[in-house]
């Protein structure tokens, strides 16, 4: 979402932790600099919009519902 940072803060304030796994697109990282990739517009857009939600095989259905309802309340 274009409101990722606001959503992340909203969720954190409600007790739902999230992560931003790729704040810099892989093609823009030092390890790939030698490949000389100029731009990947969609990847660059997504680096500012993607938010990783809690996911685990041990999440109870009730916890999943809390996460979904909290997001829906945004």
N, C-alpha and C. Protein backbone atom coordinates (compact mmCIF):
# COMPACT_ATOMS: atom_id res chain seq x y z
N UNK A 1 0.83 -1.18 0.00
CA UNK A 1 0.00 0.00 0.00
C UNK A 1 0.88 1.25 0.00
N UNK A 2 0.37 2.29 -0.61
CA UNK A 2 1.11 3.55 -0.58
C UNK A 2 1.11 4.16 0.82
N UNK A 3 0.30 3.60 1.70
CA UNK A 3 0.23 4.06 3.09
C UNK A 3 0.94 3.09 4.03
N UNK A 4 1.95 2.40 3.51
CA UNK A 4 2.63 1.35 4.27
C UNK A 4 3.12 1.83 5.63
N UNK A 5 3.80 2.96 5.68
CA UNK A 5 4.37 3.41 6.94
C UNK A 5 3.29 3.75 7.97
N UNK A 6 2.21 4.36 7.50
CA UNK A 6 1.09 4.66 8.40
C UNK A 6 0.42 3.37 8.88
N UNK A 7 0.26 2.42 7.95
CA UNK A 7 -0.32 1.13 8.32
C UNK A 7 0.56 0.41 9.32
N UNK A 8 1.87 0.43 9.10
CA UNK A 8 2.79 -0.24 10.01
C UNK A 8 2.70 0.35 11.41
N UNK A 9 2.66 1.67 11.50
CA UNK A 9 2.54 2.32 12.82
C UNK A 9 1.20 1.98 13.46
N UNK A 10 0.13 2.02 12.68
CA UNK A 10 -1.20 1.69 13.18
C UNK A 10 -1.22 0.28 13.76
N UNK A 11 -0.67 -0.67 13.01
CA UNK A 11 -0.65 -2.05 13.47
C UNK A 11 0.20 -2.21 14.73
N UNK A 12 1.36 -1.56 14.76
CA UNK A 12 2.23 -1.64 15.93
C UNK A 12 1.52 -1.07 17.16
N UNK A 13 0.83 0.06 16.98
CA UNK A 13 0.08 0.65 18.10
C UNK A 13 -1.00 -0.28 18.62
N UNK A 14 -1.49 -1.18 17.76
CA UNK A 14 -2.52 -2.14 18.14
C UNK A 14 -1.92 -3.48 18.56
N UNK A 15 -0.58 -3.57 18.60
CA UNK A 15 0.07 -4.78 19.06
C UNK A 15 0.40 -5.81 17.99
N UNK A 16 0.30 -5.41 16.72
CA UNK A 16 0.61 -6.32 15.62
C UNK A 16 1.95 -5.90 15.02
N UNK A 17 2.95 -6.76 15.19
CA UNK A 17 4.28 -6.45 14.67
C UNK A 17 4.38 -6.83 13.20
N UNK A 18 5.05 -5.98 12.42
CA UNK A 18 5.27 -6.23 11.00
C UNK A 18 6.73 -5.95 10.69
N UNK A 19 7.15 -6.30 9.49
CA UNK A 19 8.52 -6.04 9.06
C UNK A 19 8.53 -5.51 7.64
N UNK A 20 9.58 -4.79 7.33
CA UNK A 20 9.86 -4.40 5.95
C UNK A 20 11.11 -5.18 5.57
N UNK A 21 10.92 -6.26 4.82
CA UNK A 21 12.03 -7.15 4.52
C UNK A 21 13.02 -6.59 3.49
N UNK A 22 12.53 -5.84 2.55
CA UNK A 22 13.40 -5.32 1.50
C UNK A 22 13.24 -3.81 1.36
N UNK A 23 13.81 -3.04 2.30
CA UNK A 23 13.70 -1.58 2.21
C UNK A 23 14.46 -1.02 1.00
N UNK A 24 15.39 -1.82 0.50
CA UNK A 24 16.12 -1.47 -0.72
C UNK A 24 15.96 -2.65 -1.67
N UNK A 25 15.50 -2.37 -2.87
CA UNK A 25 15.32 -3.44 -3.86
C UNK A 25 16.63 -4.19 -4.05
N UNK A 26 16.56 -5.50 -4.24
CA UNK A 26 17.78 -6.29 -4.41
C UNK A 26 18.72 -5.74 -5.49
N UNK A 27 18.17 -5.29 -6.60
CA UNK A 27 19.04 -4.80 -7.68
C UNK A 27 19.76 -3.49 -7.33
N UNK A 28 19.34 -2.82 -6.24
CA UNK A 28 19.99 -1.58 -5.82
C UNK A 28 21.00 -1.81 -4.70
N UNK A 29 21.14 -3.04 -4.25
CA UNK A 29 22.06 -3.34 -3.16
C UNK A 29 23.49 -3.49 -3.67
N UNK A 30 24.43 -3.23 -2.79
CA UNK A 30 25.85 -3.27 -3.15
C UNK A 30 26.26 -4.57 -3.82
N UNK A 31 25.72 -5.68 -3.36
CA UNK A 31 26.11 -6.99 -3.89
C UNK A 31 25.81 -7.12 -5.39
N UNK A 32 24.87 -6.35 -5.88
CA UNK A 32 24.49 -6.44 -7.29
C UNK A 32 24.97 -5.25 -8.12
N UNK A 33 25.73 -4.37 -7.52
CA UNK A 33 26.17 -3.16 -8.19
C UNK A 33 26.91 -3.46 -9.49
N UNK A 34 27.71 -4.50 -9.50
CA UNK A 34 28.51 -4.83 -10.69
C UNK A 34 27.65 -5.28 -11.87
N UNK A 35 26.40 -5.64 -11.62
CA UNK A 35 25.51 -6.04 -12.72
C UNK A 35 25.02 -4.84 -13.53
N UNK A 36 25.20 -3.65 -12.97
CA UNK A 36 24.87 -2.41 -13.67
C UNK A 36 23.40 -2.34 -14.11
N UNK A 37 22.51 -2.79 -13.25
CA UNK A 37 21.08 -2.71 -13.54
C UNK A 37 20.64 -1.29 -13.23
N UNK A 38 20.09 -0.63 -14.20
CA UNK A 38 19.76 0.79 -14.02
C UNK A 38 18.49 1.00 -13.21
N UNK A 39 17.39 0.46 -13.69
CA UNK A 39 16.16 0.62 -12.92
C UNK A 39 15.19 -0.51 -13.21
N UNK A 40 14.48 -0.85 -12.20
CA UNK A 40 13.38 -1.80 -12.28
C UNK A 40 12.22 -1.11 -11.58
N UNK A 41 11.41 -0.41 -12.35
CA UNK A 41 10.41 0.49 -11.79
C UNK A 41 9.43 -0.19 -10.83
N UNK A 42 8.97 -1.38 -11.18
CA UNK A 42 8.00 -2.05 -10.31
C UNK A 42 8.67 -2.46 -9.00
N UNK A 43 9.88 -2.99 -9.07
CA UNK A 43 10.61 -3.37 -7.85
C UNK A 43 10.85 -2.15 -6.97
N UNK A 44 11.18 -1.02 -7.59
CA UNK A 44 11.44 0.20 -6.83
C UNK A 44 10.16 0.73 -6.20
N UNK A 45 9.04 0.56 -6.86
CA UNK A 45 7.76 0.96 -6.27
C UNK A 45 7.42 0.05 -5.09
N UNK A 46 7.60 -1.25 -5.30
CA UNK A 46 7.25 -2.21 -4.25
C UNK A 46 8.10 -2.05 -3.00
N UNK A 47 9.35 -1.62 -3.14
CA UNK A 47 10.20 -1.47 -1.96
C UNK A 47 9.62 -0.44 -1.00
N UNK A 48 8.76 0.43 -1.49
CA UNK A 48 8.13 1.45 -0.65
C UNK A 48 6.72 1.09 -0.21
N UNK A 49 6.20 -0.04 -0.70
CA UNK A 49 4.81 -0.37 -0.43
C UNK A 49 4.58 -1.70 0.28
N UNK A 50 5.52 -2.63 0.18
CA UNK A 50 5.30 -3.97 0.72
C UNK A 50 5.55 -4.00 2.23
N UNK A 51 4.64 -4.65 2.93
CA UNK A 51 4.74 -4.81 4.37
C UNK A 51 4.53 -6.28 4.69
N UNK A 52 5.46 -6.87 5.42
CA UNK A 52 5.34 -8.29 5.78
C UNK A 52 4.54 -8.43 7.06
N UNK A 53 3.49 -9.22 6.97
CA UNK A 53 2.60 -9.44 8.11
C UNK A 53 3.03 -10.67 8.90
N UNK A 54 2.57 -10.78 10.14
CA UNK A 54 2.91 -11.97 10.92
C UNK A 54 2.41 -13.24 10.22
N UNK A 55 3.27 -14.22 10.16
CA UNK A 55 2.90 -15.51 9.56
C UNK A 55 3.67 -16.59 10.30
N UNK A 56 2.96 -17.63 10.66
CA UNK A 56 3.59 -18.73 11.39
C UNK A 56 2.64 -19.91 11.42
N UNK A 57 3.21 -21.08 11.42
CA UNK A 57 2.37 -22.28 11.52
C UNK A 57 1.77 -22.43 12.92
N UNK A 58 2.26 -21.65 13.88
CA UNK A 58 1.74 -21.75 15.24
C UNK A 58 0.76 -20.63 15.59
N UNK A 59 0.44 -19.76 14.63
CA UNK A 59 -0.57 -18.73 14.89
C UNK A 59 -1.93 -19.40 15.05
N UNK A 60 -2.59 -19.06 16.11
CA UNK A 60 -3.93 -19.59 16.35
C UNK A 60 -4.93 -18.84 15.46
N UNK A 61 -6.04 -19.48 15.17
CA UNK A 61 -7.08 -18.85 14.35
C UNK A 61 -7.52 -17.53 14.96
N UNK A 62 -7.61 -17.47 16.27
CA UNK A 62 -7.99 -16.23 16.95
C UNK A 62 -6.98 -15.12 16.68
N UNK A 63 -5.69 -15.46 16.70
CA UNK A 63 -4.65 -14.47 16.41
C UNK A 63 -4.74 -13.98 14.97
N UNK A 64 -5.00 -14.90 14.05
CA UNK A 64 -5.16 -14.52 12.64
C UNK A 64 -6.34 -13.57 12.47
N UNK A 65 -7.42 -13.87 13.16
CA UNK A 65 -8.60 -13.00 13.08
C UNK A 65 -8.31 -11.62 13.65
N UNK A 66 -7.53 -11.56 14.71
CA UNK A 66 -7.15 -10.26 15.29
C UNK A 66 -6.35 -9.46 14.27
N UNK A 67 -5.40 -10.10 13.61
CA UNK A 67 -4.58 -9.42 12.61
C UNK A 67 -5.45 -8.90 11.47
N UNK A 68 -6.32 -9.76 10.94
CA UNK A 68 -7.20 -9.37 9.83
C UNK A 68 -8.13 -8.23 10.25
N UNK A 69 -8.74 -8.35 11.40
CA UNK A 69 -9.66 -7.32 11.87
C UNK A 69 -8.94 -6.00 12.13
N UNK A 70 -7.72 -6.07 12.62
CA UNK A 70 -6.95 -4.86 12.86
C UNK A 70 -6.63 -4.17 11.54
N UNK A 71 -6.22 -4.94 10.54
CA UNK A 71 -5.94 -4.36 9.22
C UNK A 71 -7.21 -3.75 8.64
N UNK A 72 -8.32 -4.45 8.76
CA UNK A 72 -9.59 -3.93 8.24
C UNK A 72 -10.02 -2.65 8.95
N UNK A 73 -9.53 -2.44 10.17
CA UNK A 73 -9.85 -1.24 10.92
C UNK A 73 -9.00 -0.03 10.55
N UNK A 74 -8.06 -0.24 9.69
CA UNK A 74 -7.15 0.85 9.28
C UNK A 74 -7.86 1.84 8.39
